Amino acid sequence: HINSRHLFLCVHSLADSLLGTHSAVFSCFHNFAVCLESAMAVAAVSKTTTGPNANSDAWFWDWDSSLAAVSPSHAELQGVIRSFVQKDLAPNINDWEEEGEFPRDLHVRAYDAGVYGIGWPSEYGGTAPRNPDIWHKFIFSDELGQLCAGGLSASLLTLGIALPPILRAGTEAQKEKYAREIITGQKTASLAITEPNGGSDVAGMQTTAVRDGDVYVLDGVKTFISGGMKADYFTVAARTGSSGSGGISLFIVHREFPGVTTTRLKTQGWHCSTTTTVAFNGVRVPAANLLGEENKGFKLIMFNFNAERHGMAVGATRMARCCMEDAIRYARIRKTFGRPLISHQVIRHKIMEMARHVLATHCFLTSITRAIYDNVNMDAVGGQIALAKVQSTRTMEFCAREASQILGGKAYLRGQGPGARIERVYREVRVYAIGGGSEEIMLELATRQAKL
């Protein structure tokens, strides 16, 4: 019945004493000691989340149950997503991050689990809830956020931004041809908008599509395309008319079309997301693959943005919360100077600062979500959504830093131990602050809506 903490200290001391004698033996003992402490931390986490102390952090936030209480369908959705994250994603995410990709069949597995087809038209394979409201979408992003792996969500769920233009502007023939196989995970699609010389300046895009009989000849380069290395189709924006937003059209481009090439980008975070540069060199796209009217594609692109930013903000806030929770759990079992780390005032204050940021950000997001639920048009609160994205990503950045300080070296180890989620979040801070609209663009957008 030896105390596990004493066992860890004994093993570590033995390892230290062997340093300089047999390095291989030292390494073996040292690795065992690290694994033991990691196991202790995991056990502590399990105890605080499933045992008698499961509600010990409830005063921080009780909104998980309140979100589920909106209606039975909201409660069911929360359970479905949470189960999929905990059973199918969490046990594998560290390996997928190291491998730089996730299995191709995960799309189909997500569909079979009731996650992938949520809210899409039932005639094309969509699953319940059939007409998700903004709280359903909030729960979806929030539960996925607990994985703390935005890159997985970004590449697994590319249909969330690539498919809407097809459903909104596509012909019945286009919907029949593409929607079902994308919604059911049989095929994947990525949205190709961003260009090397212009991120947020969508209206200034330089990729062109020139009509030549019954085809358009597509030339240009798109970059930072999530899931692009494995995409079967690309929803591509190109200039078909004059400069500015009025000359942009959307097309469905197949990967196998001659002239389409993809290059994997090495990124700071999102390691399992196949972030891609896609080049189009004289690609002959059938005119039948034009989505909607020529030169009317800009509005279809803009329609996606507010929903995307709202989802990113909710996910970032959940990731910030996870950093705080992991820091609390570690601080309870880690001892320094003869007492638990959490008993030190400076640590408790760090935790409260994180709580202050998370609580404030969550309340901001719920106020926006409530307004949308009460039939306020999402475009009418676009400025607030932009501010919420800035607020949430800065909260995420702050909590990742403070949690890292609390865990010390444990938060510097990739894919292992009690700091694994925190380390991963730290690498994803910048992409959340820039992707979907940078902080600077978001603040300017809010300024314009406020008519300052």
Foldseek 3Di string as FASTA:
>chain_A
DDDLVVVLVVLLVVLVVCPPPDPVVSVVSVVVSVQSVLVVLVVLLCCCCPHPNNCVVVVLDDCVVVLCPPDVLSVVLLVLLLCCCVPPNLVCVLVLLVVLADDLCVLLVCVVSLHQQEQDDVVLPHDPPPHDALSSLLSSLLSVLLSLQVLCCCQSRQCLQFVQLCVVFNDPVSCVVPVNCCSNSVFHEWEFQAAPVDGPPSLQDAWAWEDDPQWTFTFGKGFQIWNVVRHQWYFYKHFHDDGGLQRIWTFIGGCPFPQWDKDFDDALASSRTRTIMIGGDRGIGGNSRTGHDGSPCSVSNVVSQLSVLLSLLSSLLSLLVSLLSLLVSQQQPDDDPHGRNCVDPVLVVLSVVLSVLSVVLVVLSVVLSVVVSVVDDSVLCSLSSLVSLQSSLVSSQSSLVSSCVSVPCQLVDDSGGSNNSSVNSNSCSVCSCPPSHHNVRSNVVNCVSVVD
